[in-house]
Amino acid sequence: MEDIVLSVLKVSDRCDRCGAQAYLKAILGESELMFCGHHGPEAYLGLIVSQFEIIDERYRILERKDRVKYYGIPTEEYDDLSL
């Protein structure tokens, strides 16, 4: 039976461009690049063309927004989270 891995990226993983939490990891050989939900889409096509392996956990951003709304926390500060 295979183990199911729900998340590879940790909260401590940071975007290489801005330092925000990383939700996208690109791997080529021993090189790794990490991107937030904002900078990941900007780099995505170039990473694919360059044959990087992509670990994309941007779905977690939506899960976070849903939890915030469910528990009644004001969501104005989260409205700018984008894929």
Protein backbone atom coordinates (compact mmCIF):
# COMPACT_ATOMS: atom_id res chain seq x y z
CA MET A 1 0.00 0.00 0.00
CA GLU A 2 1.33 3.43 -0.94
CA ASP A 3 1.67 6.23 1.58
CA ILE A 4 -0.43 9.28 0.78
CA VAL A 5 1.44 12.56 1.10
CA LEU A 6 -0.90 15.52 1.52
CA SER A 7 1.70 18.24 1.55
CA VAL A 8 5.36 18.39 0.58
CA LEU A 9 5.90 22.08 1.30
CA LYS A 10 6.17 23.35 4.86
CA VAL A 11 5.04 26.64 6.34
CA SER A 12 8.71 27.51 6.72
CA ASP A 13 9.31 27.18 2.94
CA ARG A 14 9.56 30.68 1.46
CA CYS A 15 9.21 32.24 -1.97
CA ASP A 16 12.60 32.97 -3.53
CA ARG A 17 11.31 36.29 -4.89
CA CYS A 18 9.45 37.88 -1.98
CA GLY A 19 9.78 35.70 1.12
CA ALA A 20 6.06 34.85 1.40
CA GLN A 21 4.97 31.28 2.15
CA ALA A 22 5.80 29.01 -0.80
CA TYR A 23 3.05 27.00 -2.47
CA LEU A 24 4.96 25.96 -5.60
CA LYS A 25 8.29 24.15 -5.73
CA ALA A 26 10.29 23.63 -8.92
CA ILE A 27 13.05 21.03 -9.05
CA LEU A 28 15.68 20.47 -11.72
CA GLY A 29 18.44 18.07 -10.72
CA GLU A 30 19.68 19.28 -7.35
CA SER A 31 18.36 22.83 -7.86
CA GLU A 32 15.16 23.97 -6.18
CA LEU A 33 13.14 27.13 -6.64
CA MET A 34 10.17 28.08 -4.47
CA PHE A 35 7.36 30.49 -5.25
CA CYS A 36 4.36 31.97 -3.48
CA GLY A 37 0.83 31.95 -4.91
CA HIS A 38 1.53 35.25 -6.65
CA HIS A 39 4.96 34.63 -8.19
CA GLY A 40 4.39 30.94 -9.00
CA PRO A 41 1.99 31.56 -11.89
CA GLU A 42 4.32 34.20 -13.32
CA ALA A 43 7.16 31.65 -13.54
CA TYR A 44 5.09 28.52 -14.27
CA LEU A 45 5.32 28.39 -18.07
CA GLY A 46 9.05 29.10 -18.09
CA LEU A 47 9.63 26.36 -15.54
CA ILE A 48 7.66 23.83 -17.61
CA VAL A 49 9.53 24.78 -20.80
CA SER A 50 12.82 24.40 -18.91
CA GLN A 51 11.69 20.90 -17.85
CA PHE A 52 11.50 21.55 -14.11
CA GLU A 53 9.53 19.08 -12.03
CA ILE A 54 6.71 21.09 -10.42
CA ILE A 55 5.13 20.49 -7.02
CA ASP A 56 2.06 22.72 -7.01
CA GLU A 57 0.21 23.12 -3.71
CA ARG A 58 -1.68 26.31 -4.53
CA TYR A 59 -4.93 24.49 -3.71
CA ARG A 60 -3.96 25.02 -0.05
CA ILE A 61 -4.53 28.76 -0.48
CA LEU A 62 -8.21 28.12 -1.22
CA GLU A 63 -8.48 25.71 1.69
CA ARG A 64 -7.07 28.41 3.97
CA LYS A 65 -9.53 31.02 2.70
CA ASP A 66 -12.43 28.58 3.24
CA ARG A 67 -11.33 27.91 6.84
CA VAL A 68 -11.04 31.61 7.53
CA LYS A 69 -14.58 32.23 6.22
CA TYR A 70 -15.99 29.21 8.10
CA TYR A 71 -14.69 30.39 11.46
CA GLY A 72 -15.97 33.92 10.94
CA ILE A 73 -12.61 35.65 10.76
CA PRO A 74 -12.74 38.84 8.65
CA THR A 75 -11.63 37.95 5.14
CA GLU A 76 -10.67 41.37 3.72
CA GLU A 77 -7.00 40.70 4.32
CA TYR A 78 -7.26 37.35 2.51
CA ASP A 79 -9.17 38.58 -0.55
CA ASP A 80 -5.94 39.29 -2.42
CA LEU A 81 -4.79 35.65 -2.25
CA SER A 82 -4.74 34.40 -5.82
CA LEU A 83 -3.67 31.42 -7.82
